[in-house]
mmCIF file of all heavy atoms, coordinates in Angstrom:
data_MODEL
# 
_entry.id   MODEL 
# 
loop_
_atom_site.group_PDB 
_atom_site.id 
_atom_site.type_symbol 
_atom_site.label_atom_id 
_atom_site.label_alt_id 
_atom_site.label_comp_id 
_atom_site.label_asym_id 
_atom_site.label_entity_id 
_atom_site.label_seq_id 
_atom_site.pdbx_PDB_ins_code 
_atom_site.Cartn_x 
_atom_site.Cartn_y 
_atom_site.Cartn_z 
_atom_site.occupancy 
_atom_site.B_iso_or_equiv 
_atom_site.pdbx_formal_charge 
_atom_site.auth_seq_id 
_atom_site.auth_comp_id 
_atom_site.auth_asym_id 
_atom_site.auth_atom_id 
_atom_site.pdbx_PDB_model_num 
ATOM 1   N N   . GLU A 1 1  ? -99.356  -55.028 -14.446 1.00 0.00 ? 1  GLU A N   1 
ATOM 2   C CA  . GLU A 1 1  ? -98.297  -54.666 -13.549 1.00 0.00 ? 1  GLU A CA  1 
ATOM 3   C C   . GLU A 1 1  ? -98.522  -53.377 -12.775 1.00 0.00 ? 1  GLU A C   1 
ATOM 4   O O   . GLU A 1 1  ? -98.311  -53.225 -11.600 1.00 0.00 ? 1  GLU A O   1 
ATOM 5   C CB  . GLU A 1 1  ? -97.036  -54.435 -14.375 1.00 0.00 ? 1  GLU A CB  1 
ATOM 6   C CG  . GLU A 1 1  ? -95.812  -53.968 -13.644 1.00 0.00 ? 1  GLU A CG  1 
ATOM 7   C CD  . GLU A 1 1  ? -94.594  -53.785 -14.362 1.00 0.00 ? 1  GLU A CD  1 
ATOM 8   O OE1 . GLU A 1 1  ? -94.640  -54.331 -15.728 1.00 0.00 ? 1  GLU A OE1 1 
ATOM 9   O OE2 . GLU A 1 1  ? -93.545  -53.195 -13.975 1.00 0.00 ? 1  GLU A OE2 1 
ATOM 10  N N   . VAL A 1 2  ? -99.156  -52.293 -13.436 1.00 0.00 ? 2  VAL A N   1 
ATOM 11  C CA  . VAL A 1 2  ? -99.670  -51.136 -12.758 1.00 0.00 ? 2  VAL A CA  1 
ATOM 12  C C   . VAL A 1 2  ? -100.653 -51.436 -11.637 1.00 0.00 ? 2  VAL A C   1 
ATOM 13  O O   . VAL A 1 2  ? -100.563 -50.933 -10.558 1.00 0.00 ? 2  VAL A O   1 
ATOM 14  C CB  . VAL A 1 2  ? -100.124 -50.084 -13.806 1.00 0.00 ? 2  VAL A CB  1 
ATOM 15  C CG1 . VAL A 1 2  ? -100.623 -48.776 -12.919 1.00 0.00 ? 2  VAL A CG1 1 
ATOM 16  C CG2 . VAL A 1 2  ? -98.886  -49.645 -14.682 1.00 0.00 ? 2  VAL A CG2 1 
ATOM 17  N N   . TYR A 1 3  ? -101.456 -52.208 -11.974 1.00 0.00 ? 3  TYR A N   1 
ATOM 18  C CA  . TYR A 1 3  ? -102.572 -52.643 -11.063 1.00 0.00 ? 3  TYR A CA  1 
ATOM 19  C C   . TYR A 1 3  ? -101.979 -53.379 -9.913  1.00 0.00 ? 3  TYR A C   1 
ATOM 20  O O   . TYR A 1 3  ? -102.334 -53.139 -8.649  1.00 0.00 ? 3  TYR A O   1 
ATOM 21  C CB  . TYR A 1 3  ? -103.528 -53.580 -11.721 1.00 0.00 ? 3  TYR A CB  1 
ATOM 22  C CG  . TYR A 1 3  ? -104.356 -54.471 -10.821 1.00 0.00 ? 3  TYR A CG  1 
ATOM 23  C CD1 . TYR A 1 3  ? -105.421 -53.973 -10.095 1.00 0.00 ? 3  TYR A CD1 1 
ATOM 24  C CD2 . TYR A 1 3  ? -104.177 -55.755 -10.663 1.00 0.00 ? 3  TYR A CD2 1 
ATOM 25  C CE1 . TYR A 1 3  ? -106.290 -54.699 -9.259  1.00 0.00 ? 3  TYR A CE1 1 
ATOM 26  C CE2 . TYR A 1 3  ? -104.928 -56.614 -9.826  1.00 0.00 ? 3  TYR A CE2 1 
ATOM 27  C CZ  . TYR A 1 3  ? -105.866 -56.013 -9.079  1.00 0.00 ? 3  TYR A CZ  1 
ATOM 28  O OH  . TYR A 1 3  ? -106.512 -56.795 -8.118  1.00 0.00 ? 3  TYR A OH  1 
ATOM 29  N N   . ASP A 1 4  ? -101.040 -54.256 -10.064 1.00 0.00 ? 4  ASP A N   1 
ATOM 30  C CA  . ASP A 1 4  ? -100.395 -55.045 -9.078  1.00 0.00 ? 4  ASP A CA  1 
ATOM 31  C C   . ASP A 1 4  ? -99.582  -54.083 -8.151  1.00 0.00 ? 4  ASP A C   1 
ATOM 32  O O   . ASP A 1 4  ? -99.555  -54.381 -6.930  1.00 0.00 ? 4  ASP A O   1 
ATOM 33  C CB  . ASP A 1 4  ? -99.470  -56.127 -9.661  1.00 0.00 ? 4  ASP A CB  1 
ATOM 34  C CG  . ASP A 1 4  ? -99.125  -57.129 -8.791  1.00 0.00 ? 4  ASP A CG  1 
ATOM 35  O OD1 . ASP A 1 4  ? -99.643  -57.278 -7.643  1.00 0.00 ? 4  ASP A OD1 1 
ATOM 36  O OD2 . ASP A 1 4  ? -98.256  -57.973 -9.015  1.00 0.00 ? 4  ASP A OD2 1 
ATOM 37  N N   . MET A 1 5  ? -98.830  -53.211 -8.533  1.00 0.00 ? 5  MET A N   1 
ATOM 38  C CA  . MET A 1 5  ? -98.009  -52.349 -7.945  1.00 0.00 ? 5  MET A CA  1 
ATOM 39  C C   . MET A 1 5  ? -98.629  -51.041 -7.166  1.00 0.00 ? 5  MET A C   1 
ATOM 40  O O   . MET A 1 5  ? -98.268  -50.653 -6.188  1.00 0.00 ? 5  MET A O   1 
ATOM 41  C CB  . MET A 1 5  ? -96.884  -51.882 -8.683  1.00 0.00 ? 5  MET A CB  1 
ATOM 42  C CG  . MET A 1 5  ? -95.920  -53.096 -9.256  1.00 0.00 ? 5  MET A CG  1 
ATOM 43  S SD  . MET A 1 5  ? -94.934  -53.861 -7.868  1.00 0.00 ? 5  MET A SD  1 
ATOM 44  C CE  . MET A 1 5  ? -95.760  -55.337 -7.738  1.00 0.00 ? 5  MET A CE  1 
ATOM 45  N N   . PHE A 1 6  ? -99.708  -50.412 -7.999  1.00 0.00 ? 6  PHE A N   1 
ATOM 46  C CA  . PHE A 1 6  ? -100.289 -49.296 -7.598  1.00 0.00 ? 6  PHE A CA  1 
ATOM 47  C C   . PHE A 1 6  ? -101.737 -49.376 -7.158  1.00 0.00 ? 6  PHE A C   1 
ATOM 48  O O   . PHE A 1 6  ? -102.452 -48.398 -6.543  1.00 0.00 ? 6  PHE A O   1 
ATOM 49  C CB  . PHE A 1 6  ? -100.059 -48.165 -8.630  1.00 0.00 ? 6  PHE A CB  1 
ATOM 50  C CG  . PHE A 1 6  ? -98.702  -47.760 -8.884  1.00 0.00 ? 6  PHE A CG  1 
ATOM 51  C CD1 . PHE A 1 6  ? -97.974  -48.390 -9.841  1.00 0.00 ? 6  PHE A CD1 1 
ATOM 52  C CD2 . PHE A 1 6  ? -98.132  -46.680 -8.133  1.00 0.00 ? 6  PHE A CD2 1 
ATOM 53  C CE1 . PHE A 1 6  ? -96.617  -47.958 -10.109 1.00 0.00 ? 6  PHE A CE1 1 
ATOM 54  C CE2 . PHE A 1 6  ? -96.891  -46.270 -8.467  1.00 0.00 ? 6  PHE A CE2 1 
ATOM 55  C CZ  . PHE A 1 6  ? -96.184  -46.933 -9.404  1.00 0.00 ? 6  PHE A CZ  1 
ATOM 56  N N   . GLY A 1 7  ? -102.445 -50.505 -7.495  1.00 0.00 ? 7  GLY A N   1 
ATOM 57  C CA  . GLY A 1 7  ? -103.784 -50.560 -7.122  1.00 0.00 ? 7  GLY A CA  1 
ATOM 58  C C   . GLY A 1 7  ? -104.666 -49.575 -7.947  1.00 0.00 ? 7  GLY A C   1 
ATOM 59  O O   . GLY A 1 7  ? -105.715 -49.108 -7.411  1.00 0.00 ? 7  GLY A O   1 
ATOM 60  N N   . ILE A 1 8  ? -104.440 -49.491 -9.278  1.00 0.00 ? 8  ILE A N   1 
ATOM 61  C CA  . ILE A 1 8  ? -105.246 -48.684 -10.197 1.00 0.00 ? 8  ILE A CA  1 
ATOM 62  C C   . ILE A 1 8  ? -106.136 -49.716 -10.924 1.00 0.00 ? 8  ILE A C   1 
ATOM 63  O O   . ILE A 1 8  ? -105.515 -50.661 -11.464 1.00 0.00 ? 8  ILE A O   1 
ATOM 64  C CB  . ILE A 1 8  ? -104.328 -47.860 -10.965 1.00 0.00 ? 8  ILE A CB  1 
ATOM 65  C CG1 . ILE A 1 8  ? -103.605 -46.868 -10.248 1.00 0.00 ? 8  ILE A CG1 1 
ATOM 66  C CG2 . ILE A 1 8  ? -105.214 -47.229 -12.103 1.00 0.00 ? 8  ILE A CG2 1 
ATOM 67  C CD1 . ILE A 1 8  ? -102.695 -45.983 -11.141 1.00 0.00 ? 8  ILE A CD1 1 
ATOM 68  N N   . ASN A 1 9  ? -107.353 -49.413 -10.956 1.00 0.00 ? 9  ASN A N   1 
ATOM 69  C CA  . ASN A 1 9  ? -108.259 -50.322 -11.679 1.00 0.00 ? 9  ASN A CA  1 
ATOM 70  C C   . ASN A 1 9  ? -108.390 -49.863 -13.212 1.00 0.00 ? 9  ASN A C   1 
ATOM 71  O O   . ASN A 1 9  ? -108.525 -48.703 -13.440 1.00 0.00 ? 9  ASN A O   1 
ATOM 72  C CB  . ASN A 1 9  ? -109.673 -50.140 -11.013 1.00 0.00 ? 9  ASN A CB  1 
ATOM 73  C CG  . ASN A 1 9  ? -110.699 -51.015 -11.790 1.00 0.00 ? 9  ASN A CG  1 
ATOM 74  O OD1 . ASN A 1 9  ? -110.416 -52.192 -12.152 1.00 0.00 ? 9  ASN A OD1 1 
ATOM 75  N ND2 . ASN A 1 9  ? -111.956 -50.378 -11.930 1.00 0.00 ? 9  ASN A ND2 1 
ATOM 76  N N   . PHE A 1 10 ? -108.192 -50.886 -14.086 1.00 0.00 ? 10 PHE A N   1 
ATOM 77  C CA  . PHE A 1 10 ? -108.429 -50.607 -15.551 1.00 0.00 ? 10 PHE A CA  1 
ATOM 78  C C   . PHE A 1 10 ? -109.735 -51.148 -15.986 1.00 0.00 ? 10 PHE A C   1 
ATOM 79  O O   . PHE A 1 10 ? -109.863 -52.363 -16.155 1.00 0.00 ? 10 PHE A O   1 
ATOM 80  C CB  . PHE A 1 10 ? -107.090 -51.293 -16.261 1.00 0.00 ? 10 PHE A CB  1 
ATOM 81  C CG  . PHE A 1 10 ? -105.884 -50.687 -16.034 1.00 0.00 ? 10 PHE A CG  1 
ATOM 82  C CD1 . PHE A 1 10 ? -104.959 -50.910 -15.012 1.00 0.00 ? 10 PHE A CD1 1 
ATOM 83  C CD2 . PHE A 1 10 ? -105.498 -49.431 -16.861 1.00 0.00 ? 10 PHE A CD2 1 
ATOM 84  C CE1 . PHE A 1 10 ? -103.857 -50.206 -14.824 1.00 0.00 ? 10 PHE A CE1 1 
ATOM 85  C CE2 . PHE A 1 10 ? -104.265 -48.864 -16.643 1.00 0.00 ? 10 PHE A CE2 1 
ATOM 86  C CZ  . PHE A 1 10 ? -103.550 -49.232 -15.667 1.00 0.00 ? 10 PHE A CZ  1 
ATOM 87  N N   . GLU A 1 11 ? -110.496 -50.168 -16.152 1.00 0.00 ? 11 GLU A N   1 
ATOM 88  C CA  . GLU A 1 11 ? -111.923 -50.640 -16.686 1.00 0.00 ? 11 GLU A CA  1 
ATOM 89  C C   . GLU A 1 11 ? -111.917 -51.227 -18.036 1.00 0.00 ? 11 GLU A C   1 
ATOM 90  O O   . GLU A 1 11 ? -111.480 -50.680 -18.980 1.00 0.00 ? 11 GLU A O   1 
ATOM 91  C CB  . GLU A 1 11 ? -112.745 -49.440 -16.515 1.00 0.00 ? 11 GLU A CB  1 
ATOM 92  C CG  . GLU A 1 11 ? -114.367 -49.634 -16.775 1.00 0.00 ? 11 GLU A CG  1 
ATOM 93  C CD  . GLU A 1 11 ? -115.167 -48.394 -16.519 1.00 0.00 ? 11 GLU A CD  1 
ATOM 94  O OE1 . GLU A 1 11 ? -114.608 -47.283 -16.723 1.00 0.00 ? 11 GLU A OE1 1 
ATOM 95  O OE2 . GLU A 1 11 ? -116.419 -48.505 -16.523 1.00 0.00 ? 11 GLU A OE2 1 
ATOM 96  N N   . GLY A 1 12 ? -112.560 -52.445 -18.094 1.00 0.00 ? 12 GLY A N   1 
ATOM 97  C CA  . GLY A 1 12 ? -112.693 -53.111 -19.401 1.00 0.00 ? 12 GLY A CA  1 
ATOM 98  C C   . GLY A 1 12 ? -111.462 -54.076 -19.652 1.00 0.00 ? 12 GLY A C   1 
ATOM 99  O O   . GLY A 1 12 ? -111.484 -54.747 -20.736 1.00 0.00 ? 12 GLY A O   1 
ATOM 100 N N   . HIS A 1 13 ? -110.570 -54.183 -18.694 1.00 0.00 ? 13 HIS A N   1 
ATOM 101 C CA  . HIS A 1 13 ? -109.382 -55.118 -18.968 1.00 0.00 ? 13 HIS A CA  1 
ATOM 102 C C   . HIS A 1 13 ? -109.913 -56.532 -18.850 1.00 0.00 ? 13 HIS A C   1 
ATOM 103 O O   . HIS A 1 13 ? -110.651 -56.864 -18.122 1.00 0.00 ? 13 HIS A O   1 
ATOM 104 C CB  . HIS A 1 13 ? -108.334 -54.877 -17.687 1.00 0.00 ? 13 HIS A CB  1 
ATOM 105 C CG  . HIS A 1 13 ? -107.122 -55.559 -18.099 1.00 0.00 ? 13 HIS A CG  1 
ATOM 106 N ND1 . HIS A 1 13 ? -106.886 -56.876 -18.048 1.00 0.00 ? 13 HIS A ND1 1 
ATOM 107 C CD2 . HIS A 1 13 ? -105.989 -54.990 -18.491 1.00 0.00 ? 13 HIS A CD2 1 
ATOM 108 C CE1 . HIS A 1 13 ? -105.566 -57.173 -18.205 1.00 0.00 ? 13 HIS A CE1 1 
ATOM 109 N NE2 . HIS A 1 13 ? -105.055 -55.942 -18.544 1.00 0.00 ? 13 HIS A NE2 1 
ATOM 110 N N   . PRO A 1 14 ? -109.368 -57.313 -19.872 1.00 0.00 ? 14 PRO A N   1 
ATOM 111 C CA  . PRO A 1 14 ? -109.978 -58.802 -20.025 1.00 0.00 ? 14 PRO A CA  1 
ATOM 112 C C   . PRO A 1 14 ? -109.482 -59.662 -18.901 1.00 0.00 ? 14 PRO A C   1 
ATOM 113 O O   . PRO A 1 14 ? -110.053 -60.652 -18.680 1.00 0.00 ? 14 PRO A O   1 
ATOM 114 C CB  . PRO A 1 14 ? -109.312 -59.150 -21.281 1.00 0.00 ? 14 PRO A CB  1 
ATOM 115 C CG  . PRO A 1 14 ? -108.135 -58.378 -21.495 1.00 0.00 ? 14 PRO A CG  1 
ATOM 116 C CD  . PRO A 1 14 ? -108.496 -57.086 -20.933 1.00 0.00 ? 14 PRO A CD  1 
ATOM 117 N N   . ASP A 1 15 ? -108.363 -59.254 -18.204 1.00 0.00 ? 15 ASP A N   1 
ATOM 118 C CA  . ASP A 1 15 ? -107.849 -60.306 -17.204 1.00 0.00 ? 15 ASP A CA  1 
ATOM 119 C C   . ASP A 1 15 ? -107.001 -59.562 -16.162 1.00 0.00 ? 15 ASP A C   1 
ATOM 120 O O   . ASP A 1 15 ? -105.975 -59.841 -15.965 1.00 0.00 ? 15 ASP A O   1 
ATOM 121 C CB  . ASP A 1 15 ? -106.898 -61.345 -17.956 1.00 0.00 ? 15 ASP A CB  1 
ATOM 122 C CG  . ASP A 1 15 ? -106.378 -62.341 -17.058 1.00 0.00 ? 15 ASP A CG  1 
ATOM 123 O OD1 . ASP A 1 15 ? -107.193 -62.691 -16.020 1.00 0.00 ? 15 ASP A OD1 1 
ATOM 124 O OD2 . ASP A 1 15 ? -105.481 -63.056 -17.334 1.00 0.00 ? 15 ASP A OD2 1 
ATOM 125 N N   . LEU A 1 16 ? -107.789 -58.753 -15.366 1.00 0.00 ? 16 LEU A N   1 
ATOM 126 C CA  . LEU A 1 16 ? -107.125 -57.956 -14.371 1.00 0.00 ? 16 LEU A CA  1 
ATOM 127 C C   . LEU A 1 16 ? -106.941 -58.645 -13.133 1.00 0.00 ? 16 LEU A C   1 
ATOM 128 O O   . LEU A 1 16 ? -107.799 -58.764 -12.261 1.00 0.00 ? 16 LEU A O   1 
ATOM 129 C CB  . LEU A 1 16 ? -107.884 -56.707 -14.231 1.00 0.00 ? 16 LEU A CB  1 
ATOM 130 C CG  . LEU A 1 16 ? -107.214 -55.478 -13.388 1.00 0.00 ? 16 LEU A CG  1 
ATOM 131 C CD1 . LEU A 1 16 ? -106.026 -55.032 -14.145 1.00 0.00 ? 16 LEU A CD1 1 
ATOM 132 C CD2 . LEU A 1 16 ? -108.229 -54.337 -13.160 1.00 0.00 ? 16 LEU A CD2 1 
ATOM 133 N N   . ARG A 1 17 ? -105.637 -59.187 -12.911 1.00 0.00 ? 17 ARG A N   1 
ATOM 134 C CA  . ARG A 1 17 ? -105.211 -59.886 -11.683 1.00 0.00 ? 17 ARG A CA  1 
ATOM 135 C C   . ARG A 1 17 ? -103.696 -59.558 -11.391 1.00 0.00 ? 17 ARG A C   1 
ATOM 136 O O   . ARG A 1 17 ? -103.140 -59.161 -12.418 1.00 0.00 ? 17 ARG A O   1 
ATOM 137 C CB  . ARG A 1 17 ? -105.559 -61.351 -11.815 1.00 0.00 ? 17 ARG A CB  1 
ATOM 138 C CG  . ARG A 1 17 ? -105.027 -62.038 -13.082 1.00 0.00 ? 17 ARG A CG  1 
ATOM 139 C CD  . ARG A 1 17 ? -105.488 -63.410 -13.302 1.00 0.00 ? 17 ARG A CD  1 
ATOM 140 N NE  . ARG A 1 17 ? -105.025 -64.040 -14.522 1.00 0.00 ? 17 ARG A NE  1 
ATOM 141 C CZ  . ARG A 1 17 ? -103.936 -64.779 -14.704 1.00 0.00 ? 17 ARG A CZ  1 
ATOM 142 N NH1 . ARG A 1 17 ? -103.264 -65.020 -13.709 1.00 0.00 ? 17 ARG A NH1 1 
ATOM 143 N NH2 . ARG A 1 17 ? -103.656 -65.253 -15.962 1.00 0.00 ? 17 ARG A NH2 1 
ATOM 144 N N   . ARG A 1 18 ? -103.325 -60.012 -10.325 1.00 0.00 ? 18 ARG A N   1 
ATOM 145 C CA  . ARG A 1 18 ? -101.845 -59.742 -9.987  1.00 0.00 ? 18 ARG A CA  1 
ATOM 146 C C   . ARG A 1 18 ? -101.037 -60.622 -10.924 1.00 0.00 ? 18 ARG A C   1 
ATOM 147 O O   . ARG A 1 18 ? -101.355 -61.663 -11.444 1.00 0.00 ? 18 ARG A O   1 
ATOM 148 C CB  . ARG A 1 18 ? -101.581 -60.127 -8.628  1.00 0.00 ? 18 ARG A CB  1 
ATOM 149 C CG  . ARG A 1 18 ? -102.237 -59.243 -7.507  1.00 0.00 ? 18 ARG A CG  1 
ATOM 150 C CD  . ARG A 1 18 ? -101.654 -59.534 -6.268  1.00 0.00 ? 18 ARG A CD  1 
ATOM 151 N NE  . ARG A 1 18 ? -102.289 -58.677 -5.238  1.00 0.00 ? 18 ARG A NE  1 
ATOM 152 C CZ  . ARG A 1 18 ? -101.826 -57.379 -4.863  1.00 0.00 ? 18 ARG A CZ  1 
ATOM 153 N NH1 . ARG A 1 18 ? -100.771 -56.873 -5.362  1.00 0.00 ? 18 ARG A NH1 1 
ATOM 154 N NH2 . ARG A 1 18 ? -102.535 -56.695 -3.791  1.00 0.00 ? 18 ARG A NH2 1 
ATOM 155 N N   . ILE A 1 19 ? -99.714  -59.883 -11.260 1.00 0.00 ? 19 ILE A N   1 
ATOM 156 C CA  . ILE A 1 19 ? -98.839  -60.509 -12.179 1.00 0.00 ? 19 ILE A CA  1 
ATOM 157 C C   . ILE A 1 19 ? -97.490  -60.940 -11.564 1.00 0.00 ? 19 ILE A C   1 
ATOM 158 O O   . ILE A 1 19 ? -96.830  -61.818 -12.012 1.00 0.00 ? 19 ILE A O   1 
ATOM 159 C CB  . ILE A 1 19 ? -98.578  -59.582 -13.319 1.00 0.00 ? 19 ILE A CB  1 
ATOM 160 C CG1 . ILE A 1 19 ? -97.977  -60.364 -14.471 1.00 0.00 ? 19 ILE A CG1 1 
ATOM 161 C CG2 . ILE A 1 19 ? -98.045  -58.310 -13.010 1.00 0.00 ? 19 ILE A CG2 1 
ATOM 162 C CD1 . ILE A 1 19 ? -97.851  -59.543 -15.832 1.00 0.00 ? 19 ILE A CD1 1 
ATOM 163 N N   . PHE A 1 20 ? -97.129  -60.078 -10.527 1.00 0.00 ? 20 PHE A N   1 
ATOM 164 C CA  . PHE A 1 20 ? -95.855  -60.384 -9.802  1.00 0.00 ? 20 PHE A CA  1 
ATOM 165 C C   . PHE A 1 20 ? -96.143  -61.047 -8.430  1.00 0.00 ? 20 PHE A C   1 
ATOM 166 O O   . PHE A 1 20 ? -95.397  -61.994 -8.074  1.00 0.00 ? 20 PHE A O   1 
ATOM 167 C CB  . PHE A 1 20 ? -95.020  -59.091 -9.536  1.00 0.00 ? 20 PHE A CB  1 
ATOM 168 C CG  . PHE A 1 20 ? -94.557  -58.604 -10.866 1.00 0.00 ? 20 PHE A CG  1 
ATOM 169 C CD1 . PHE A 1 20 ? -94.832  -57.354 -11.340 1.00 0.00 ? 20 PHE A CD1 1 
ATOM 170 C CD2 . PHE A 1 20 ? -93.822  -59.364 -11.703 1.00 0.00 ? 20 PHE A CD2 1 
ATOM 171 C CE1 . PHE A 1 20 ? -94.337  -56.767 -12.467 1.00 0.00 ? 20 PHE A CE1 1 
ATOM 172 C CE2 . PHE A 1 20 ? -93.262  -58.711 -12.925 1.00 0.00 ? 20 PHE A CE2 1 
ATOM 173 C CZ  . PHE A 1 20 ? -93.573  -57.450 -13.214 1.00 0.00 ? 20 PHE A CZ  1 
ATOM 174 N N   . LEU A 1 21 ? -97.035  -60.454 -7.793  1.00 0.00 ? 21 LEU A N   1 
ATOM 175 C CA  . LEU A 1 21 ? -97.366  -60.936 -6.385  1.00 0.00 ? 21 LEU A CA  1 
ATOM 176 C C   . LEU A 1 21 ? -98.398  -61.982 -6.270  1.00 0.00 ? 21 LEU A C   1 
ATOM 177 O O   . LEU A 1 21 ? -99.234  -62.227 -7.186  1.00 0.00 ? 21 LEU A O   1 
ATOM 178 C CB  . LEU A 1 21 ? -97.673  -59.594 -5.578  1.00 0.00 ? 21 LEU A CB  1 
ATOM 179 C CG  . LEU A 1 21 ? -96.784  -58.525 -5.561  1.00 0.00 ? 21 LEU A CG  1 
ATOM 180 C CD1 . LEU A 1 21 ? -97.333  -57.377 -4.803  1.00 0.00 ? 21 LEU A CD1 1 
ATOM 181 C CD2 . LEU A 1 21 ? -95.447  -58.988 -4.796  1.00 0.00 ? 21 LEU A CD2 1 
ATOM 182 N N   . ASP A 1 22 ? -98.405  -62.774 -5.195  1.00 0.00 ? 22 ASP A N   1 
ATOM 183 C CA  . ASP A 1 22 ? -99.427  -63.712 -4.946  1.00 0.00 ? 22 ASP A CA  1 
ATOM 184 C C   . ASP A 1 22 ? -100.830 -63.087 -4.855  1.00 0.00 ? 22 ASP A C   1 
ATOM 185 O O   . ASP A 1 22 ? -101.003 -61.989 -4.533  1.00 0.00 ? 22 ASP A O   1 
ATOM 186 C CB  . ASP A 1 22 ? -99.109  -64.425 -3.619  1.00 0.00 ? 22 ASP A CB  1 
ATOM 187 C CG  . ASP A 1 22 ? -100.000 -65.644 -3.384  1.00 0.00 ? 22 ASP A CG  1 
ATOM 188 O OD1 . ASP A 1 22 ? -99.819  -66.705 -4.040  1.00 0.00 ? 22 ASP A OD1 1 
ATOM 189 O OD2 . ASP A 1 22 ? -100.987 -65.603 -2.558  1.00 0.00 ? 22 ASP A OD2 1 
ATOM 190 N N   . LYS A 1 23 ? -101.896 -63.838 -5.350  1.00 0.00 ? 23 LYS A N   1 
ATOM 191 C CA  . LYS A 1 23 ? -103.155 -63.401 -5.345  1.00 0.00 ? 23 LYS A CA  1 
ATOM 192 C C   . LYS A 1 23 ? -103.712 -63.002 -3.924  1.00 0.00 ? 23 LYS A C   1 
ATOM 193 O O   . LYS A 1 23 ? -104.544 -62.199 -3.894  1.00 0.00 ? 23 LYS A O   1 
ATOM 194 C CB  . LYS A 1 23 ? -104.056 -64.374 -6.041  1.00 0.00 ? 23 LYS A CB  1 
ATOM 195 C CG  . LYS A 1 23 ? -104.285 -65.744 -5.196  1.00 0.00 ? 23 LYS A CG  1 
ATOM 196 C CD  . LYS A 1 23 ? -105.161 -66.694 -5.894  1.00 0.00 ? 23 LYS A CD  1 
ATOM 197 C CE  . LYS A 1 23 ? -105.219 -67.970 -5.059  1.00 0.00 ? 23 LYS A CE  1 
ATOM 198 N NZ  . LYS A 1 23 ? -106.245 -68.944 -5.748  1.00 0.00 ? 23 LYS A NZ  1 
ATOM 199 N N   . ASP A 1 24 ? -103.157 -63.517 -2.904  1.00 0.00 ? 24 ASP A N   1 
ATOM 200 C CA  . ASP A 1 24 ? -103.637 -63.218 -1.573  1.00 0.00 ? 24 ASP A CA  1 
ATOM 201 C C   . ASP A 1 24 ? -102.798 -62.089 -0.995  1.00 0.00 ? 24 ASP A C   1 
ATOM 202 O O   . ASP A 1 24 ? -102.939 -61.670 0.251   1.00 0.00 ? 24 ASP A O   1 
ATOM 203 C CB  . ASP A 1 24 ? -103.460 -64.425 -0.670  1.00 0.00 ? 24 ASP A CB  1 
ATOM 204 C CG  . ASP A 1 24 ? -104.470 -65.600 -1.234  1.00 0.00 ? 24 ASP A CG  1 
ATOM 205 O OD1 . ASP A 1 24 ? -105.501 -65.245 -1.571  1.00 0.00 ? 24 ASP A OD1 1 
ATOM 206 O OD2 . ASP A 1 24 ? -104.101 -66.731 -1.149  1.00 0.00 ? 24 ASP A OD2 1 
ATOM 207 N N   . PHE A 1 25 ? -101.827 -61.457 -1.639  1.00 0.00 ? 25 PHE A N   1 
ATOM 208 C CA  . PHE A 1 25 ? -101.011 -60.436 -1.084  1.00 0.00 ? 25 PHE A CA  1 
ATOM 209 C C   . PHE A 1 25 ? -101.848 -59.168 -0.761  1.00 0.00 ? 25 PHE A C   1 
ATOM 210 O O   . PHE A 1 25 ? -102.780 -58.848 -1.592  1.00 0.00 ? 25 PHE A O   1 
ATOM 211 C CB  . PHE A 1 25 ? -99.868  -60.013 -2.227  1.00 0.00 ? 25 PHE A CB  1 
ATOM 212 C CG  . PHE A 1 25 ? -98.875  -59.203 -1.559  1.00 0.00 ? 25 PHE A CG  1 
ATOM 213 C CD1 . PHE A 1 25 ? -97.757  -59.593 -0.962  1.00 0.00 ? 25 PHE A CD1 1 
ATOM 214 C CD2 . PHE A 1 25 ? -98.912  -57.845 -1.651  1.00 0.00 ? 25 PHE A CD2 1 
ATOM 215 C CE1 . PHE A 1 25 ? -96.753  -58.734 -0.497  1.00 0.00 ? 25 PHE A CE1 1 
ATOM 216 C CE2 . PHE A 1 25 ? -98.066  -56.956 -1.175  1.00 0.00 ? 25 PHE A CE2 1 
ATOM 217 C CZ  . PHE A 1 25 ? -96.981  -57.396 -0.513  1.00 0.00 ? 25 PHE A CZ  1 
# 
């Protein structure tokens, strides 16, 4: 959610992709 809304990268996250918005947003 933080990645999706703020664009912060979480190093080592197993599945870092958008959760609310479309992948092409």
